[in-house]
């Protein structure tokens, strides 16, 4: 699930207005981007308090950037914020271990009841354990692609690498998850040969 791209010139105009003291522009920017930044931070960290801190930090950095924002620089505000947020999250991930994965990593099988809930919980825990063993850049690429649903071009801008490098990171990340989970497939109720993460 991705948010529609915005016009960099319109974003720059909002930032310029904010820098000139326009409180309505500040409110518009905050309404547009704070939920996006928080959601991404929460998906990376799975800790609400940590995600709120990251969101505040990322938005503060945007406010500081506003007076000198370069609309011709290439990156949209959304892409810039994703990059800053991802980097802040990786810094925190290197210091602490999150408690679990977001619900998006569950394999929803449509079966109600306690047994299905227990199986989903086991899958989420197993995926968390496997995902935390990936190198930071692989984990970041997998989260951006398979949880946040971003395209390779935008992920490349966020991670400051080429689209082919994004493809390589996400492919290696999924292969590594498959290998890490291969011994648990029967217990977790998987019936195919691939680790399934949400592509939406």
N, C-alpha and C. Protein backbone atom coordinates (compact mmCIF):
# COMPACT_ATOMS: atom_id res chain seq x y z
N UNK A 1 0.86 -1.17 0.00
CA UNK A 1 0.00 0.00 0.00
C UNK A 1 0.89 1.21 0.00
N UNK A 2 0.85 2.03 -1.07
CA UNK A 2 1.71 3.18 -1.17
C UNK A 2 0.87 4.44 -1.29
N UNK A 3 1.45 5.54 -0.84
CA UNK A 3 0.79 6.80 -1.00
C UNK A 3 1.19 7.38 -2.34
N UNK A 4 0.30 8.15 -2.94
CA UNK A 4 0.59 8.70 -4.25
C UNK A 4 1.73 9.70 -4.16
N UNK A 5 2.53 9.74 -5.21
CA UNK A 5 3.64 10.67 -5.26
C UNK A 5 3.08 12.09 -5.29
N UNK A 6 3.80 13.02 -4.70
CA UNK A 6 3.37 14.40 -4.70
C UNK A 6 4.28 15.21 -5.60
N UNK A 7 3.84 16.41 -5.94
CA UNK A 7 4.58 17.29 -6.82
C UNK A 7 5.72 17.95 -6.04
N UNK A 8 6.98 17.72 -6.42
CA UNK A 8 8.10 18.32 -5.68
C UNK A 8 8.02 19.83 -5.61
N UNK A 9 7.52 20.47 -6.68
CA UNK A 9 7.41 21.93 -6.68
C UNK A 9 6.38 22.40 -5.65
N UNK A 10 5.27 21.67 -5.57
CA UNK A 10 4.24 22.02 -4.57
C UNK A 10 4.76 21.79 -3.16
N UNK A 11 5.50 20.69 -2.97
CA UNK A 11 6.10 20.42 -1.66
C UNK A 11 7.06 21.54 -1.29
N UNK A 12 7.90 21.94 -2.25
CA UNK A 12 8.88 23.00 -1.99
C UNK A 12 8.18 24.31 -1.63
N UNK A 13 7.06 24.58 -2.30
CA UNK A 13 6.31 25.80 -2.01
C UNK A 13 5.78 25.76 -0.58
N UNK A 14 5.29 24.59 -0.15
CA UNK A 14 4.81 24.46 1.22
C UNK A 14 5.95 24.69 2.21
N UNK A 15 7.11 24.09 1.92
CA UNK A 15 8.24 24.26 2.81
C UNK A 15 8.70 25.71 2.86
N UNK A 16 8.68 26.36 1.70
CA UNK A 16 9.06 27.78 1.65
C UNK A 16 8.10 28.62 2.47
N UNK A 17 6.80 28.31 2.35
CA UNK A 17 5.79 29.04 3.12
C UNK A 17 5.99 28.80 4.61
N UNK A 18 6.26 27.53 4.97
CA UNK A 18 6.52 27.23 6.38
C UNK A 18 7.72 28.03 6.89
N UNK A 19 8.81 28.04 6.10
CA UNK A 19 10.02 28.75 6.51
C UNK A 19 9.77 30.25 6.69
N UNK A 20 8.77 30.76 5.95
CA UNK A 20 8.42 32.18 6.06
C UNK A 20 7.44 32.45 7.20
N UNK A 21 7.08 31.38 7.94
CA UNK A 21 6.24 31.56 9.11
C UNK A 21 4.77 31.26 8.91
N UNK A 22 4.41 30.60 7.81
CA UNK A 22 3.02 30.25 7.52
C UNK A 22 2.63 29.01 8.32
N UNK A 23 1.81 29.22 9.36
CA UNK A 23 1.44 28.09 10.22
C UNK A 23 0.52 27.10 9.49
N UNK A 24 -0.28 27.59 8.54
CA UNK A 24 -1.16 26.69 7.79
C UNK A 24 -0.31 25.72 6.95
N UNK A 25 0.78 26.21 6.40
CA UNK A 25 1.67 25.35 5.62
C UNK A 25 2.30 24.29 6.52
N UNK A 26 2.68 24.70 7.72
CA UNK A 26 3.27 23.75 8.67
C UNK A 26 2.27 22.66 9.03
N UNK A 27 1.01 23.06 9.26
CA UNK A 27 -0.03 22.09 9.60
C UNK A 27 -0.29 21.14 8.43
N UNK A 28 -0.28 21.66 7.21
CA UNK A 28 -0.50 20.84 6.03
C UNK A 28 0.61 19.81 5.87
N UNK A 29 1.84 20.24 6.05
CA UNK A 29 2.98 19.32 5.96
C UNK A 29 2.91 18.26 7.04
N UNK A 30 2.58 18.67 8.25
CA UNK A 30 2.52 17.72 9.37
C UNK A 30 1.42 16.69 9.15
N UNK A 31 0.25 17.15 8.68
CA UNK A 31 -0.86 16.22 8.43
C UNK A 31 -0.50 15.23 7.32
N UNK A 32 0.22 15.70 6.32
CA UNK A 32 0.54 14.86 5.17
C UNK A 32 1.61 13.83 5.48
N UNK A 33 2.62 14.23 6.23
CA UNK A 33 3.81 13.38 6.34
C UNK A 33 4.03 12.71 7.69
N UNK A 34 3.52 13.28 8.78
CA UNK A 34 3.77 12.66 10.08
C UNK A 34 3.20 11.24 10.15
N UNK A 35 1.96 10.99 9.68
CA UNK A 35 1.45 9.60 9.72
C UNK A 35 2.30 8.65 8.89
N UNK A 36 2.77 9.09 7.72
CA UNK A 36 3.60 8.25 6.86
C UNK A 36 4.91 7.90 7.56
N UNK A 37 5.54 8.91 8.16
CA UNK A 37 6.82 8.70 8.84
C UNK A 37 6.64 7.77 10.03
N UNK A 38 5.59 8.00 10.81
CA UNK A 38 5.34 7.15 11.97
C UNK A 38 5.10 5.70 11.54
N UNK A 39 4.27 5.51 10.50
CA UNK A 39 3.94 4.15 10.05
C UNK A 39 5.20 3.41 9.61
N UNK A 40 6.06 4.09 8.87
CA UNK A 40 7.28 3.42 8.41
C UNK A 40 8.19 3.08 9.60
N UNK A 41 8.33 4.02 10.52
CA UNK A 41 9.17 3.77 11.69
C UNK A 41 8.62 2.61 12.52
N UNK A 42 7.29 2.54 12.65
CA UNK A 42 6.70 1.46 13.43
C UNK A 42 6.93 0.11 12.76
N UNK A 43 6.86 0.09 11.41
CA UNK A 43 7.08 -1.16 10.69
C UNK A 43 8.53 -1.62 10.80
N UNK A 44 9.43 -0.68 10.89
CA UNK A 44 10.84 -1.03 11.02
C UNK A 44 11.18 -1.47 12.45
N UNK A 45 10.55 -0.82 13.45
CA UNK A 45 10.95 -1.01 14.84
C UNK A 45 9.96 -1.84 15.66
N UNK A 46 8.69 -1.84 15.24
CA UNK A 46 7.62 -2.51 15.98
C UNK A 46 7.56 -2.08 17.45
N UNK A 47 7.78 -0.80 17.66
CA UNK A 47 7.75 -0.23 19.01
C UNK A 47 7.14 1.17 18.87
N UNK A 48 5.95 1.35 19.44
CA UNK A 48 5.22 2.60 19.24
C UNK A 48 5.97 3.81 19.79
N UNK A 49 6.51 3.70 20.98
CA UNK A 49 7.22 4.83 21.58
C UNK A 49 8.46 5.19 20.75
N UNK A 50 9.21 4.16 20.33
CA UNK A 50 10.40 4.41 19.51
C UNK A 50 10.00 5.04 18.18
N UNK A 51 8.91 4.55 17.59
CA UNK A 51 8.45 5.08 16.31
C UNK A 51 8.02 6.53 16.45
N UNK A 52 7.36 6.87 17.56
CA UNK A 52 6.96 8.26 17.79
C UNK A 52 8.19 9.16 17.90
N UNK A 53 9.22 8.67 18.60
CA UNK A 53 10.46 9.45 18.73
C UNK A 53 11.10 9.67 17.37
N UNK A 54 11.15 8.61 16.55
CA UNK A 54 11.75 8.72 15.22
C UNK A 54 10.95 9.69 14.36
N UNK A 55 9.62 9.59 14.43
CA UNK A 55 8.77 10.48 13.63
C UNK A 55 9.01 11.94 14.01
N UNK A 56 9.10 12.22 15.30
CA UNK A 56 9.36 13.58 15.75
C UNK A 56 10.72 14.06 15.27
N UNK A 57 11.71 13.20 15.37
CA UNK A 57 13.07 13.54 14.95
C UNK A 57 13.11 13.82 13.45
N UNK A 58 12.47 12.95 12.66
CA UNK A 58 12.47 13.12 11.21
C UNK A 58 11.77 14.42 10.80
N UNK A 59 10.63 14.71 11.43
CA UNK A 59 9.91 15.95 11.09
C UNK A 59 10.69 17.18 11.52
N UNK A 60 11.36 17.10 12.67
CA UNK A 60 12.20 18.22 13.09
C UNK A 60 13.31 18.49 12.08
N UNK A 61 13.88 17.41 11.54
CA UNK A 61 14.92 17.57 10.53
C UNK A 61 14.36 18.20 9.26
N UNK A 62 13.11 17.86 8.93
CA UNK A 62 12.48 18.49 7.77
C UNK A 62 12.28 19.98 8.01
N UNK A 63 11.82 20.33 9.22
CA UNK A 63 11.62 21.74 9.54
C UNK A 63 12.94 22.51 9.42
N UNK A 64 14.02 21.90 9.90
CA UNK A 64 15.32 22.57 9.82
C UNK A 64 15.79 22.71 8.38
N UNK A 65 15.38 21.74 7.55
CA UNK A 65 15.80 21.73 6.14
C UNK A 65 15.00 22.72 5.31
N UNK A 66 13.82 23.09 5.80
CA UNK A 66 12.88 23.88 5.01
C UNK A 66 13.46 25.16 4.40
N UNK A 67 14.18 26.00 5.17
CA UNK A 67 14.65 27.26 4.58
C UNK A 67 15.55 27.08 3.35
N UNK A 68 16.29 25.99 3.29
CA UNK A 68 17.21 25.80 2.17
C UNK A 68 16.80 24.67 1.24
N UNK A 69 15.49 24.28 1.28
CA UNK A 69 15.06 23.14 0.47
C UNK A 69 15.25 23.42 -1.02
N UNK A 70 15.81 22.48 -1.71
CA UNK A 70 16.08 22.60 -3.14
C UNK A 70 15.08 21.76 -3.92
N UNK A 71 14.09 22.43 -4.53
CA UNK A 71 13.07 21.70 -5.28
C UNK A 71 13.65 21.03 -6.51
N UNK A 72 14.79 21.52 -6.97
CA UNK A 72 15.40 20.95 -8.16
C UNK A 72 16.37 19.83 -7.82
N UNK A 73 16.51 19.52 -6.54
CA UNK A 73 17.51 18.54 -6.11
C UNK A 73 17.18 17.10 -6.47
N UNK A 74 15.95 16.85 -6.89
CA UNK A 74 15.61 15.51 -7.35
C UNK A 74 14.70 14.75 -6.41
N UNK A 75 15.02 14.69 -5.13
CA UNK A 75 14.22 13.91 -4.17
C UNK A 75 12.98 14.68 -3.76
N UNK A 76 11.86 13.96 -3.69
CA UNK A 76 10.64 14.56 -3.16
C UNK A 76 10.76 14.60 -1.63
N UNK A 77 9.87 15.37 -1.01
CA UNK A 77 9.85 15.42 0.45
C UNK A 77 9.58 14.03 1.00
N UNK A 78 8.66 13.29 0.37
CA UNK A 78 8.33 11.94 0.84
C UNK A 78 9.55 11.03 0.80
N UNK A 79 10.26 11.04 -0.33
CA UNK A 79 11.45 10.20 -0.46
C UNK A 79 12.52 10.61 0.55
N UNK A 80 12.71 11.92 0.72
CA UNK A 80 13.70 12.43 1.69
C UNK A 80 13.34 11.96 3.09
N UNK A 81 12.05 12.05 3.44
CA UNK A 81 11.62 11.64 4.78
C UNK A 81 11.78 10.14 4.98
N UNK A 82 11.47 9.34 3.96
CA UNK A 82 11.68 7.89 4.06
C UNK A 82 13.15 7.59 4.34
N UNK A 83 14.03 8.28 3.61
CA UNK A 83 15.46 8.04 3.78
C UNK A 83 15.91 8.38 5.20
N UNK A 84 15.51 9.56 5.69
CA UNK A 84 15.87 9.98 7.04
C UNK A 84 15.30 9.02 8.07
N UNK A 85 14.03 8.66 7.90
CA UNK A 85 13.37 7.75 8.85
C UNK A 85 14.04 6.39 8.88
N UNK A 86 14.33 5.85 7.69
CA UNK A 86 14.99 4.54 7.61
C UNK A 86 16.34 4.57 8.29
N UNK A 87 17.11 5.63 8.07
CA UNK A 87 18.42 5.73 8.69
C UNK A 87 18.32 5.85 10.21
N UNK A 88 17.35 6.62 10.69
CA UNK A 88 17.14 6.74 12.13
C UNK A 88 16.75 5.39 12.73
N UNK A 89 15.91 4.65 12.01
CA UNK A 89 15.48 3.33 12.50
C UNK A 89 16.66 2.36 12.54
N UNK A 90 17.48 2.36 11.50
CA UNK A 90 18.63 1.46 11.49
C UNK A 90 19.57 1.78 12.64
N UNK A 91 19.75 3.06 12.92
CA UNK A 91 20.59 3.44 14.07
C UNK A 91 20.04 2.82 15.35
N UNK A 92 18.71 2.86 15.52
CA UNK A 92 18.11 2.30 16.72
C UNK A 92 18.14 0.78 16.72
N UNK A 93 17.97 0.18 15.54
CA UNK A 93 18.02 -1.28 15.46
C UNK A 93 19.39 -1.81 15.85
N UNK A 94 20.41 -1.05 15.61
CA UNK A 94 21.76 -1.48 15.96
C UNK A 94 21.99 -1.43 17.47
N UNK A 95 21.12 -0.70 18.16
CA UNK A 95 21.29 -0.55 19.61
C UNK A 95 20.33 -1.43 20.40
N UNK A 96 19.19 -1.76 19.80
CA UNK A 96 18.19 -2.51 20.55
C UNK A 96 17.45 -3.45 19.62
N UNK A 97 16.84 -4.46 20.18
CA UNK A 97 16.11 -5.47 19.40
C UNK A 97 14.62 -5.25 19.57
N UNK A 98 13.86 -5.12 18.47
CA UNK A 98 12.42 -4.95 18.61
C UNK A 98 11.75 -6.22 19.14
N UNK A 99 10.57 -6.04 19.69
CA UNK A 99 9.86 -7.15 20.33
C UNK A 99 9.12 -8.05 19.36
N UNK A 100 8.85 -7.59 18.17
CA UNK A 100 8.10 -8.43 17.24
C UNK A 100 7.89 -7.73 15.93
N UNK A 101 7.25 -8.40 15.00
CA UNK A 101 6.96 -7.82 13.69
C UNK A 101 5.55 -7.26 13.66
N UNK A 102 5.32 -6.30 12.75
CA UNK A 102 3.96 -5.78 12.59
C UNK A 102 3.05 -6.83 11.98
N UNK A 103 1.76 -6.56 12.07
CA UNK A 103 0.78 -7.53 11.60
C UNK A 103 0.92 -7.83 10.11
N UNK A 104 1.50 -6.90 9.33
CA UNK A 104 1.61 -7.12 7.90
C UNK A 104 2.42 -8.36 7.56
N UNK A 105 3.25 -8.83 8.50
CA UNK A 105 4.05 -10.01 8.21
C UNK A 105 3.29 -11.30 8.45
N UNK A 106 2.07 -11.19 8.97
CA UNK A 106 1.30 -12.41 9.18
C UNK A 106 0.86 -12.97 7.84
N UNK A 107 0.76 -14.28 7.78
CA UNK A 107 0.18 -14.93 6.60
C UNK A 107 -1.30 -15.14 6.90
N UNK A 108 -2.13 -14.23 6.41
CA UNK A 108 -3.56 -14.34 6.66
C UNK A 108 -4.13 -15.47 5.82
N UNK A 109 -4.65 -16.49 6.48
CA UNK A 109 -5.18 -17.62 5.72
C UNK A 109 -6.71 -17.65 5.73
N UNK A 110 -7.33 -16.64 6.36
CA UNK A 110 -8.77 -16.55 6.34
C UNK A 110 -9.46 -17.53 7.26
N UNK A 111 -8.69 -18.32 8.02
CA UNK A 111 -9.29 -19.30 8.92
C UNK A 111 -9.43 -18.71 10.31
N UNK A 112 -10.65 -18.56 10.79
CA UNK A 112 -10.84 -17.99 12.13
C UNK A 112 -10.52 -19.01 13.22
N UNK A 113 -10.48 -18.54 14.42
CA UNK A 113 -10.33 -19.45 15.55
C UNK A 113 -8.95 -19.41 16.17
N UNK A 114 -8.88 -20.05 17.33
CA UNK A 114 -7.67 -20.01 18.13
C UNK A 114 -6.49 -20.67 17.42
N UNK A 115 -6.74 -21.79 16.75
CA UNK A 115 -5.65 -22.50 16.09
C UNK A 115 -4.97 -21.63 15.02
N UNK A 116 -5.78 -20.94 14.23
CA UNK A 116 -5.23 -20.06 13.19
C UNK A 116 -4.47 -18.90 13.82
N UNK A 117 -5.00 -18.34 14.91
CA UNK A 117 -4.33 -17.24 15.58
C UNK A 117 -2.99 -17.69 16.13
N UNK A 118 -2.95 -18.88 16.71
CA UNK A 118 -1.69 -19.40 17.25
C UNK A 118 -0.67 -19.63 16.14
N UNK A 119 -1.16 -20.15 14.99
CA UNK A 119 -0.25 -20.40 13.87
C UNK A 119 0.30 -19.07 13.34
N UNK A 120 -0.57 -18.05 13.21
CA UNK A 120 -0.11 -16.75 12.75
C UNK A 120 0.91 -16.16 13.72
N UNK A 121 0.67 -16.32 15.02
CA UNK A 121 1.60 -15.80 16.02
C UNK A 121 2.95 -16.51 15.90
N UNK A 122 2.90 -17.82 15.68
CA UNK A 122 4.15 -18.58 15.52
C UNK A 122 4.90 -18.15 14.27
N UNK A 123 4.15 -17.92 13.19
CA UNK A 123 4.78 -17.46 11.95
C UNK A 123 5.43 -16.09 12.15
N UNK A 124 4.70 -15.19 12.81
CA UNK A 124 5.23 -13.84 13.01
C UNK A 124 6.51 -13.88 13.84
N UNK A 125 6.50 -14.69 14.89
CA UNK A 125 7.68 -14.80 15.74
C UNK A 125 8.85 -15.40 14.96
N UNK A 126 8.58 -16.44 14.17
CA UNK A 126 9.64 -17.07 13.39
C UNK A 126 10.21 -16.10 12.36
N UNK A 127 9.33 -15.34 11.71
CA UNK A 127 9.78 -14.36 10.74
C UNK A 127 10.59 -13.26 11.40
N UNK A 128 10.16 -12.84 12.60
CA UNK A 128 10.92 -11.84 13.33
C UNK A 128 12.34 -12.33 13.60
N UNK A 129 12.43 -13.56 14.10
CA UNK A 129 13.74 -14.12 14.41
C UNK A 129 14.62 -14.18 13.16
N UNK A 130 14.01 -14.59 12.04
CA UNK A 130 14.78 -14.70 10.79
C UNK A 130 15.15 -13.31 10.26
N UNK A 131 14.19 -12.40 10.26
CA UNK A 131 14.44 -11.07 9.72
C UNK A 131 15.54 -10.34 10.48
N UNK A 132 15.57 -10.54 11.79
CA UNK A 132 16.58 -9.86 12.60
C UNK A 132 17.98 -10.41 12.35
N UNK A 133 18.07 -11.54 11.66
CA UNK A 133 19.39 -12.08 11.32
C UNK A 133 19.92 -11.55 10.00
N UNK A 134 19.06 -10.82 9.26
CA UNK A 134 19.50 -10.25 7.99
C UNK A 134 20.39 -9.04 8.25
N UNK A 135 21.32 -8.76 7.34
CA UNK A 135 22.07 -7.50 7.42
C UNK A 135 21.09 -6.33 7.37
N UNK A 136 21.45 -5.21 7.98
CA UNK A 136 20.55 -4.07 8.08
C UNK A 136 20.00 -3.62 6.73
N UNK A 137 20.87 -3.56 5.71
CA UNK A 137 20.44 -3.05 4.41
C UNK A 137 19.43 -4.01 3.75
N UNK A 138 19.63 -5.30 3.92
CA UNK A 138 18.67 -6.26 3.39
C UNK A 138 17.33 -6.11 4.10
N UNK A 139 17.39 -5.99 5.42
CA UNK A 139 16.15 -5.83 6.20
C UNK A 139 15.42 -4.57 5.76
N UNK A 140 16.16 -3.46 5.59
CA UNK A 140 15.56 -2.21 5.17
C UNK A 140 14.88 -2.36 3.81
N UNK A 141 15.56 -3.00 2.87
CA UNK A 141 15.01 -3.18 1.52
C UNK A 141 13.76 -4.05 1.56
N UNK A 142 13.79 -5.14 2.33
CA UNK A 142 12.63 -6.03 2.43
C UNK A 142 11.44 -5.29 3.04
N UNK A 143 11.67 -4.50 4.08
CA UNK A 143 10.58 -3.75 4.72
C UNK A 143 10.01 -2.73 3.75
N UNK A 144 10.88 -1.97 3.07
CA UNK A 144 10.40 -0.95 2.14
C UNK A 144 9.61 -1.58 0.99
N UNK A 145 10.07 -2.72 0.49
CA UNK A 145 9.43 -3.33 -0.68
C UNK A 145 8.18 -4.13 -0.30
N UNK A 146 8.33 -5.00 0.69
CA UNK A 146 7.26 -5.97 0.94
C UNK A 146 6.29 -5.56 2.05
N UNK A 147 6.65 -4.57 2.86
CA UNK A 147 5.70 -4.08 3.86
C UNK A 147 5.16 -2.72 3.46
N UNK A 148 6.07 -1.78 3.14
CA UNK A 148 5.61 -0.45 2.75
C UNK A 148 5.13 -0.43 1.30
N UNK A 149 5.52 -1.44 0.51
CA UNK A 149 5.01 -1.55 -0.85
C UNK A 149 5.56 -0.54 -1.83
N UNK A 150 6.75 -0.01 -1.56
CA UNK A 150 7.34 0.96 -2.47
C UNK A 150 7.96 0.27 -3.67
N UNK A 151 8.07 1.02 -4.76
CA UNK A 151 8.71 0.50 -5.97
C UNK A 151 10.22 0.59 -5.87
N UNK A 152 10.90 -0.16 -6.74
CA UNK A 152 12.36 -0.20 -6.71
C UNK A 152 13.00 1.16 -6.94
N UNK A 153 12.40 1.99 -7.81
CA UNK A 153 12.99 3.30 -8.11
C UNK A 153 13.01 4.18 -6.87
N UNK A 154 11.89 4.21 -6.13
CA UNK A 154 11.86 5.05 -4.93
C UNK A 154 12.74 4.47 -3.83
N UNK A 155 12.74 3.14 -3.70
CA UNK A 155 13.62 2.52 -2.70
C UNK A 155 15.08 2.86 -3.02
N UNK A 156 15.42 2.87 -4.30
CA UNK A 156 16.79 3.21 -4.71
C UNK A 156 17.14 4.62 -4.27
N UNK A 157 16.19 5.56 -4.41
CA UNK A 157 16.44 6.93 -3.96
C UNK A 157 16.58 7.00 -2.45
N UNK A 158 15.72 6.27 -1.75
CA UNK A 158 15.76 6.28 -0.29
C UNK A 158 17.07 5.72 0.23
N UNK A 159 17.51 4.61 -0.37
CA UNK A 159 18.71 3.93 0.11
C UNK A 159 19.98 4.41 -0.56
N UNK A 160 19.83 5.33 -1.52
CA UNK A 160 20.96 5.91 -2.23
C UNK A 160 21.78 4.85 -2.97
N UNK A 161 21.05 3.96 -3.66
CA UNK A 161 21.69 2.91 -4.46
C UNK A 161 20.92 2.80 -5.77
N UNK A 162 21.39 1.97 -6.69
CA UNK A 162 20.71 1.79 -7.96
C UNK A 162 19.56 0.81 -7.85
N UNK A 163 18.59 0.88 -8.79
CA UNK A 163 17.45 -0.05 -8.78
C UNK A 163 17.88 -1.52 -8.81
N UNK A 164 18.94 -1.83 -9.56
CA UNK A 164 19.39 -3.22 -9.60
C UNK A 164 19.92 -3.68 -8.25
N UNK A 165 20.56 -2.77 -7.54
CA UNK A 165 21.03 -3.11 -6.19
C UNK A 165 19.86 -3.36 -5.27
N UNK A 166 18.76 -2.61 -5.46
CA UNK A 166 17.54 -2.85 -4.67
C UNK A 166 17.01 -4.25 -4.95
N UNK A 167 16.93 -4.60 -6.24
CA UNK A 167 16.45 -5.93 -6.61
C UNK A 167 17.32 -7.01 -5.98
N UNK A 168 18.63 -6.78 -6.00
CA UNK A 168 19.56 -7.76 -5.42
C UNK A 168 19.35 -7.90 -3.92
N UNK A 169 19.22 -6.76 -3.23
CA UNK A 169 19.04 -6.79 -1.77
C UNK A 169 17.74 -7.50 -1.39
N UNK A 170 16.64 -7.16 -2.08
CA UNK A 170 15.36 -7.78 -1.73
C UNK A 170 15.37 -9.27 -2.07
N UNK A 171 15.98 -9.62 -3.20
CA UNK A 171 16.04 -11.04 -3.57
C UNK A 171 16.90 -11.83 -2.58
N UNK A 172 18.05 -11.26 -2.21
CA UNK A 172 18.90 -11.94 -1.24
C UNK A 172 18.22 -12.03 0.12
N UNK A 173 17.49 -10.97 0.49
CA UNK A 173 16.79 -10.98 1.76
C UNK A 173 15.73 -12.07 1.80
N UNK A 174 14.95 -12.21 0.73
CA UNK A 174 13.91 -13.24 0.70
C UNK A 174 14.52 -14.65 0.66
N UNK A 175 15.62 -14.79 -0.09
CA UNK A 175 16.28 -16.10 -0.11
C UNK A 175 16.81 -16.46 1.28
N UNK A 176 17.38 -15.46 1.96
CA UNK A 176 17.91 -15.71 3.30
C UNK A 176 16.80 -16.08 4.26
N UNK A 177 15.65 -15.39 4.16
CA UNK A 177 14.51 -15.72 5.02
C UNK A 177 14.03 -17.15 4.75
N UNK A 178 13.98 -17.52 3.47
CA UNK A 178 13.57 -18.87 3.11
C UNK A 178 14.50 -19.90 3.74
N UNK A 179 15.81 -19.64 3.62
CA UNK A 179 16.79 -20.58 4.18
C UNK A 179 16.68 -20.67 5.69
N UNK A 180 16.50 -19.52 6.34
CA UNK A 180 16.42 -19.49 7.79
C UNK A 180 15.17 -20.19 8.31
N UNK A 181 14.10 -20.15 7.52
CA UNK A 181 12.84 -20.74 7.95
C UNK A 181 12.62 -22.15 7.41
N UNK A 182 13.53 -22.64 6.60
CA UNK A 182 13.30 -23.91 5.90
C UNK A 182 13.05 -25.08 6.85
N UNK A 183 13.73 -25.08 7.99
CA UNK A 183 13.56 -26.19 8.92
C UNK A 183 12.27 -26.12 9.73
N UNK A 184 11.55 -24.99 9.62
CA UNK A 184 10.33 -24.81 10.42
C UNK A 184 9.06 -24.82 9.57
N UNK A 185 9.19 -25.10 8.27
CA UNK A 185 8.07 -24.95 7.37
C UNK A 185 6.85 -25.78 7.78
N UNK A 186 7.08 -27.04 8.12
CA UNK A 186 5.95 -27.91 8.47
C UNK A 186 5.25 -27.41 9.73
N UNK A 187 6.06 -27.07 10.75
CA UNK A 187 5.47 -26.59 12.00
C UNK A 187 4.69 -25.30 11.80
N UNK A 188 5.15 -24.46 10.87
CA UNK A 188 4.51 -23.16 10.66
C UNK A 188 3.35 -23.23 9.67
N UNK A 189 3.16 -24.41 9.05
CA UNK A 189 2.02 -24.59 8.16
C UNK A 189 2.22 -24.09 6.75
N UNK A 190 3.48 -23.90 6.34
CA UNK A 190 3.73 -23.49 4.96
C UNK A 190 3.65 -24.71 4.06
N UNK A 191 3.09 -24.52 2.87
CA UNK A 191 2.95 -25.64 1.95
C UNK A 191 3.66 -25.44 0.63
N UNK A 192 4.23 -24.21 0.39
CA UNK A 192 4.96 -23.99 -0.84
C UNK A 192 6.43 -23.85 -0.53
N UNK A 193 7.22 -23.40 -1.50
CA UNK A 193 8.67 -23.38 -1.35
C UNK A 193 9.24 -21.99 -1.14
N UNK A 194 8.40 -21.03 -0.84
CA UNK A 194 8.91 -19.67 -0.68
C UNK A 194 8.40 -19.08 0.62
N UNK A 195 9.18 -18.18 1.18
CA UNK A 195 8.72 -17.41 2.33
C UNK A 195 7.77 -16.36 1.79
N UNK A 196 6.60 -16.26 2.39
CA UNK A 196 5.63 -15.31 1.90
C UNK A 196 5.60 -14.09 2.79
N UNK A 197 5.92 -12.96 2.19
CA UNK A 197 5.71 -11.68 2.85
C UNK A 197 4.70 -10.93 2.04
N UNK A 198 4.02 -10.00 2.66
CA UNK A 198 2.98 -9.27 1.94
C UNK A 198 3.59 -8.42 0.85
N UNK A 199 3.05 -8.50 -0.34
CA UNK A 199 3.51 -7.66 -1.44
C UNK A 199 2.59 -6.47 -1.64
N UNK A 200 1.70 -6.26 -0.69
CA UNK A 200 0.75 -5.18 -0.85
C UNK A 200 0.82 -4.27 0.35
